[in-house]
Structures are given as structure tokens and as C-alpha cells.
Amino acid sequence: MPEILEVEAARKVLDARAIDREIAKVHAPDTWFLKRGTTAAALRHALVGNAFTAARRRGKQIVLDTRDPDVRIGVHLGMSGRVLVDDEEAGDPLVYASNRRMPRWHRFGVRFADGGDFMVRDPRRLGAVELDPDESRLGPDAMTLSLAELDRALDLRTAPVKAVLMDQHRVAGLGNLLTDEVLWRAGIDPARSASTVDTDERRVLHKAIRTTLRTLDRRGGSHTGDMPRTLDRPCPRDGSMLRRGKVGGRTTYWCPRHQH
């Protein structure tokens, strides 16, 4: 599924290929995909004759600014979303989703006046598009997260540290794969109460977040981590057999020896 690295790749495609092109037509056939009161008619009114001026991202949310300062489009890729602009695409790495280009999976898009187009393809239909998204509902972006922001996210939280890191209101952008990898690298048990992570451990955790995002981005995505997500391979760090369970309602892998 797309996590912050895949969403950033999609944002880069939009920023490179979809900016300053006049919009001639809006494709919004799926009302389920339109969220928070957004309608196809409202999108057509807002976008036809308009143009995108920037593609921004906060966590897993892409925000497309337009020439009209009162119009912004929020795009969320959900579990299997992918952005297509003309002949270039990015988003979900399609490790677990279909690679077929099926027009019925095009949930939203625009046709540019120059003949090209931008589409959001989502086989599982779990993404979303909305007008004027509320960006304040998201926490600080994981790629630029400061130690002070991490402290605020963890302070006084009795929930498992994994659940807190995946709470998009606390830290925006970390999903299941990245969070397991980060905690494995930091040596922290994902089920520990967030408030019990001490000052030294928070520094290690902060460094692990930054290192993990930078390293996996170079490798090609969130699915390229070092920790195996399987029970038949030992921990690469200490040779212990990994464990699997539910933490914060999500399937979680961890090493019982060095994560504590």
C-alpha cells in the first residue's frame, strides 16, 4: 500500500508533469471516491478553465493548488492508488495490486487542454478526492519531523508506540511497513506504551525515522526494508525468530530479543 515514500513519488510526478496545464474536462464518475461533500459538479465548476500551480504533500495527503487561491484539491491514494500523468505513473508499487490498466479503475482525473491527462487509478477504491481538504487535521510530516515534534506526539500517550506513530493526527505519513521497520531499527517493542519511551530512546527513534525514510527512498519504496515480514526468516540483527501479532489493530512483526 502507498506510504509516505510512494505518495512523495506520486507528488513528484504531478509536480513535474501536471503543473500550469489548462484543464478542459473533469473525470469524476465515482461518487464514493469523492469525500466530505465534494461532488462531480463542484469539481467541474472549480477546475475547468483552471490549472494546477503546485503539488504539495503532508504525510499521505497530496494537495494540488490552483490558479484560484480559493481552490485546492486533496488526493489520497488509499490502499492501492496510483497517479498517472500522460505516460508516467507513481504511487502504490503494485507488489500486491494489479498492474492492469483498467479504465474502470480511474476514479478521478482531468483532461488537459493540450490533450494529455492526469488520472488516479485505484483498484480497491479506498482512496479519496476532496475540494479544499483540511490540512490542519494532520500532524507534522514524517520526512521533516523534529525531535521536539516527536516528543509532543509521544508525551503522555498510554497507547502502544506503534499506534501513536501511525496516528496521522500525531505524525503524518508513517504506515504499517515503515513503522515496523523504524521500530525494528530503533530496538523498541511496538507494543510498549509510548509514554515509557525515554529521552535517549526517543533520540534513537527519531534518528531511525530519518534514516529509514532516506534509505528506503533510495532503494525504491516502503517495501524495501531490512526486517523480513515473515516468520520463517530470522532477525538479520541477532538471529532470533521474529514474532507476529496485532498491535493497534494492525499486523505487526518484531524481534523479541533486541526490541524491548
Protein backbone atom coordinates (compact mmCIF):
# COMPACT_ATOMS: atom_id res chain seq x y z
CA MET A 1 0.00 0.00 0.00
CA PRO A 2 1.21 3.56 -0.54
CA GLU A 3 3.06 5.05 2.40
CA ILE A 4 4.82 8.39 2.56
CA LEU A 5 7.57 7.36 0.11
CA GLU A 6 5.12 6.21 -2.57
CA VAL A 7 2.95 9.29 -2.08
CA GLU A 8 6.01 11.53 -2.40
CA ALA A 9 6.87 9.77 -5.68
CA ALA A 10 3.34 10.46 -6.91
CA ARG A 11 3.63 14.10 -5.84
CA LYS A 12 6.86 14.46 -7.80
CA VAL A 13 5.18 13.14 -10.95
CA LEU A 14 2.35 15.62 -10.54
CA ASP A 15 4.73 18.49 -9.83
CA ALA A 16 6.82 17.66 -12.88
CA ARG A 17 4.04 16.84 -15.35
CA ALA A 18 0.69 18.35 -14.30
CA ILE A 19 1.53 21.97 -13.44
CA ASP A 20 0.43 25.02 -15.47
CA ARG A 21 -1.67 23.00 -17.92
CA GLU A 22 -5.17 24.31 -18.50
CA ILE A 23 -7.88 21.87 -17.50
CA ALA A 24 -10.52 21.20 -20.18
CA LYS A 25 -12.52 18.37 -18.61
CA VAL A 26 -13.01 16.65 -15.25
CA HIS A 27 -13.45 12.88 -14.90
CA ALA A 28 -15.26 12.03 -11.64
CA PRO A 29 -17.57 9.07 -12.26
CA ASP A 30 -17.37 7.50 -8.79
CA THR A 31 -19.31 9.39 -6.11
CA TRP A 32 -17.93 7.00 -3.45
CA PHE A 33 -14.44 8.32 -4.19
CA LEU A 34 -15.49 11.95 -3.55
CA LYS A 35 -15.35 12.82 0.13
CA ARG A 36 -16.62 15.43 2.58
CA GLY A 37 -19.39 16.81 0.43
CA THR A 38 -17.35 17.05 -2.77
CA THR A 39 -19.40 16.45 -5.93
CA ALA A 40 -18.53 15.97 -9.58
CA ALA A 41 -20.39 19.18 -10.43
CA ALA A 42 -18.40 21.13 -7.82
CA LEU A 43 -15.14 19.75 -9.20
CA ARG A 44 -16.07 20.71 -12.75
CA HIS A 45 -17.00 24.22 -11.62
CA ALA A 46 -13.74 24.60 -9.70
CA LEU A 47 -11.35 23.08 -12.23
CA VAL A 48 -12.50 23.56 -15.84
CA GLY A 49 -10.54 26.51 -17.24
CA ASN A 50 -8.30 26.44 -14.16
CA ALA A 51 -4.79 24.93 -13.80
CA PHE A 52 -2.73 23.32 -11.06
CA THR A 53 0.12 25.51 -9.85
CA ALA A 54 1.81 23.24 -7.29
CA ALA A 55 1.69 19.70 -5.93
CA ARG A 56 2.33 19.59 -2.20
CA ARG A 57 2.25 16.76 0.32
CA ARG A 58 1.65 16.39 4.03
CA GLY A 59 2.00 12.83 5.19
CA LYS A 60 0.00 10.68 2.79
CA GLN A 61 -2.15 13.59 1.61
CA ILE A 62 -1.37 15.25 -1.74
CA VAL A 63 -2.66 18.78 -2.14
CA LEU A 64 -2.92 20.38 -5.57
CA ASP A 65 -3.00 24.16 -5.53
CA THR A 66 -4.59 26.00 -8.45
CA ARG A 67 -4.54 29.44 -10.04
CA ASP A 68 -7.61 30.23 -7.96
CA PRO A 69 -6.31 30.71 -4.40
CA ASP A 70 -9.64 29.50 -3.04
CA VAL A 71 -9.46 26.14 -4.82
CA ARG A 72 -7.32 23.24 -3.61
CA ILE A 73 -7.73 19.56 -4.42
CA GLY A 74 -6.84 16.86 -1.90
CA VAL A 75 -5.84 13.44 -3.25
CA HIS A 76 -5.42 10.38 -1.03
CA LEU A 77 -4.16 7.17 -2.62
CA GLY A 78 -5.75 4.83 -0.08
CA MET A 79 -4.51 1.22 -0.19
CA SER A 80 -3.82 0.73 -3.90
CA GLY A 81 -3.90 4.16 -5.55
CA ARG A 82 -1.60 5.28 -8.30
CA VAL A 83 -1.20 8.60 -10.11
CA LEU A 84 -0.91 8.62 -13.90
CA VAL A 85 0.09 11.74 -15.84
CA ASP A 86 0.29 11.10 -19.57
CA ASP A 87 2.80 8.23 -19.85
CA GLU A 88 4.32 8.48 -16.35
CA GLU A 89 2.96 6.99 -13.14
CA ALA A 90 3.80 6.58 -9.45
CA GLY A 91 2.19 5.64 -6.17
CA ASP A 92 1.48 2.13 -4.97
CA PRO A 93 4.42 -0.10 -6.00
CA LEU A 94 1.87 -2.71 -7.15
CA VAL A 95 3.56 -5.52 -5.25
CA TYR A 96 0.15 -6.72 -4.06
CA ALA A 97 -2.14 -4.91 -6.52
CA SER A 98 -2.90 -5.49 -10.17
CA ASN A 99 -0.72 -3.91 -12.84
CA ARG A 100 -3.53 -3.91 -15.38
CA ARG A 101 -4.57 -0.54 -16.79
CA MET A 102 -8.32 -0.79 -16.43
CA PRO A 103 -10.30 2.39 -17.27
CA ARG A 104 -12.97 1.40 -14.76
CA TRP A 105 -10.36 1.85 -12.02
CA HIS A 106 -9.85 5.52 -12.95
CA ARG A 107 -11.70 7.11 -10.05
CA PHE A 108 -10.80 10.74 -10.71
CA GLY A 109 -8.86 12.76 -13.23
CA VAL A 110 -8.69 15.70 -15.58
CA ARG A 111 -8.16 16.13 -19.29
CA PHE A 112 -5.80 18.95 -20.14
CA ALA A 113 -6.43 21.35 -23.00
CA ASP A 114 -3.18 20.20 -24.63
CA GLY A 115 -4.58 16.67 -24.96
CA GLY A 116 -2.84 14.98 -22.03
CA ASP A 117 -4.46 13.81 -18.82
CA PHE A 118 -4.00 13.08 -15.14
CA MET A 119 -5.81 10.15 -13.56
CA VAL A 120 -6.00 8.48 -10.17
CA ARG A 121 -6.21 4.70 -10.61
CA ASP A 122 -7.44 2.80 -7.56
CA PRO A 123 -8.46 -0.87 -7.98
CA ARG A 124 -9.56 -1.21 -4.35
CA ARG A 125 -11.47 2.10 -4.32
CA LEU A 126 -10.13 3.11 -0.91
CA GLY A 127 -8.58 6.45 -1.87
CA ALA A 128 -10.32 9.80 -1.93
CA VAL A 129 -10.53 13.18 -3.63
CA GLU A 130 -11.92 16.29 -1.99
CA LEU A 131 -12.17 20.01 -2.51
CA ASP A 132 -10.35 22.23 -0.01
CA PRO A 133 -9.01 19.50 2.32
CA ASP A 134 -8.49 20.34 5.98
CA GLU A 135 -4.71 20.09 6.24
CA SER A 136 -4.78 21.00 9.93
CA ARG A 137 -6.15 17.57 10.81
CA LEU A 138 -2.74 16.06 10.05
CA GLY A 139 0.28 16.02 12.33
CA PRO A 140 3.82 17.04 11.37
CA ASP A 141 5.19 15.37 8.27
CA ALA A 142 7.37 12.34 8.99
CA MET A 143 10.03 13.42 6.49
CA THR A 144 10.67 16.69 8.31
CA LEU A 145 9.74 15.56 11.84
CA SER A 146 11.81 17.24 14.53
CA LEU A 147 12.76 15.66 17.83
CA ALA A 148 10.56 18.20 19.64
CA GLU A 149 7.60 17.21 17.45
CA LEU A 150 8.24 13.55 18.16
CA ASP A 151 8.31 14.34 21.89
CA ARG A 152 4.92 16.03 21.64
CA ALA A 153 3.50 13.07 19.73
CA LEU A 154 4.62 10.56 22.37
CA ASP A 155 4.16 12.54 25.59
CA LEU A 156 1.51 11.20 27.98
CA ARG A 157 0.32 8.62 25.45
CA THR A 158 -0.56 5.29 27.01
CA ALA A 159 -1.29 3.70 23.63
CA PRO A 160 1.34 1.40 22.05
CA VAL A 161 4.18 3.36 20.48
CA LYS A 162 3.40 1.80 17.10
CA ALA A 163 -0.20 3.00 17.25
CA VAL A 164 0.93 6.53 18.13
CA LEU A 165 3.45 6.66 15.27
CA MET A 166 0.74 5.52 12.85
CA ASP A 167 -1.82 8.03 14.13
CA GLN A 168 -1.88 10.57 11.30
CA HIS A 169 -3.01 13.27 13.73
CA ARG A 170 0.27 12.77 15.64
CA VAL A 171 2.76 12.01 12.87
CA ALA A 172 1.66 12.20 9.25
CA GLY A 173 2.93 9.67 6.75
CA LEU A 174 4.06 6.51 8.55
CA GLY A 175 2.17 3.34 7.66
CA ASN A 176 2.43 -0.27 8.75
CA LEU A 177 5.56 -1.27 6.82
CA LEU A 178 7.59 1.81 7.69
CA THR A 179 6.60 1.80 11.35
CA ASP A 180 7.62 -1.84 11.84
CA GLU A 181 10.94 -1.12 10.11
CA VAL A 182 11.58 2.04 12.16
CA LEU A 183 10.87 0.32 15.49
CA TRP A 184 12.99 -2.69 14.49
CA ARG A 185 15.90 -0.39 13.67
CA ALA A 186 15.40 1.59 16.89
CA GLY A 187 15.17 -1.58 19.03
CA ILE A 188 11.81 -0.61 20.53
CA ASP A 189 8.98 -3.06 21.21
CA PRO A 190 5.98 -1.85 19.15
CA ALA A 191 3.56 -2.76 21.96
CA ARG A 192 5.25 -0.59 24.58
CA SER A 193 3.31 2.35 25.90
CA ALA A 194 4.51 5.47 24.06
CA SER A 195 4.98 7.39 27.31
CA THR A 196 7.56 4.84 28.53
CA VAL A 197 9.96 5.61 25.67
CA ASP A 198 12.62 7.65 27.48
CA THR A 199 14.68 10.59 26.29
CA ASP A 200 17.61 8.56 24.97
CA GLU A 201 15.29 6.12 23.21
CA ARG A 202 13.43 8.99 21.59
CA ARG A 203 16.67 10.28 20.10
CA VAL A 204 17.37 6.82 18.70
CA LEU A 205 13.80 6.57 17.39
CA HIS A 206 14.00 9.99 15.75
CA LYS A 207 17.23 9.04 14.01
CA ALA A 208 15.69 5.72 12.92
CA ILE A 209 12.75 7.52 11.31
CA ARG A 210 15.02 9.82 9.34
CA THR A 211 17.45 7.05 8.34
CA THR A 212 14.70 4.62 7.35
CA LEU A 213 12.91 7.13 5.14
CA ARG A 214 16.12 8.23 3.46
CA THR A 215 17.43 4.67 2.91
CA LEU A 216 14.19 3.12 1.68
CA ASP A 217 13.52 6.07 -0.59
CA ARG A 218 16.85 5.42 -2.31
CA ARG A 219 16.03 1.71 -2.60
CA GLY A 220 12.66 2.31 -4.21
CA GLY A 221 9.95 2.32 -1.58
CA SER A 222 8.46 1.29 1.74
CA HIS A 223 8.56 -2.41 0.87
CA THR A 224 12.40 -2.49 0.67
CA GLY A 225 13.16 -2.61 4.40
CA ASP A 226 15.74 -4.88 6.09
CA MET A 227 13.36 -6.56 8.53
CA PRO A 228 11.71 -9.62 6.95
CA ARG A 229 7.93 -9.62 7.33
CA THR A 230 7.77 -13.39 7.57
CA LEU A 231 8.11 -15.92 10.37
CA ASP A 232 10.38 -18.32 8.50
CA ARG A 233 13.38 -15.97 8.42
CA PRO A 234 15.43 -14.87 11.44
CA CYS A 235 16.09 -11.32 12.53
CA PRO A 236 19.06 -10.06 10.47
CA ARG A 237 20.41 -8.29 13.54
CA ASP A 238 20.56 -11.08 16.13
CA GLY A 239 19.28 -14.28 14.53
CA SER A 240 16.15 -14.63 16.67
CA MET A 241 12.96 -15.80 15.05
CA LEU A 242 10.57 -12.93 14.53
CA ARG A 243 7.16 -12.74 16.13
CA ARG A 244 3.88 -11.64 14.61
CA GLY A 245 0.83 -10.24 16.35
CA LYS A 246 -1.67 -7.41 16.41
CA VAL A 247 -0.64 -4.01 17.77
CA GLY A 248 -3.07 -1.15 17.47
CA GLY A 249 -5.23 -3.39 15.32
CA ARG A 250 -2.50 -3.88 12.71
CA THR A 251 -0.47 -6.95 11.84
CA THR A 252 2.95 -6.37 13.38
CA TYR A 253 6.34 -8.07 13.14
CA TRP A 254 9.08 -7.60 15.72
CA CYS A 255 12.17 -9.24 17.19
CA PRO A 256 11.69 -10.42 20.79
CA ARG A 257 15.41 -10.26 21.57
CA HIS A 258 16.57 -6.75 20.68
CA GLN A 259 13.25 -4.86 20.66
CA HIS A 260 12.26 -4.06 24.23
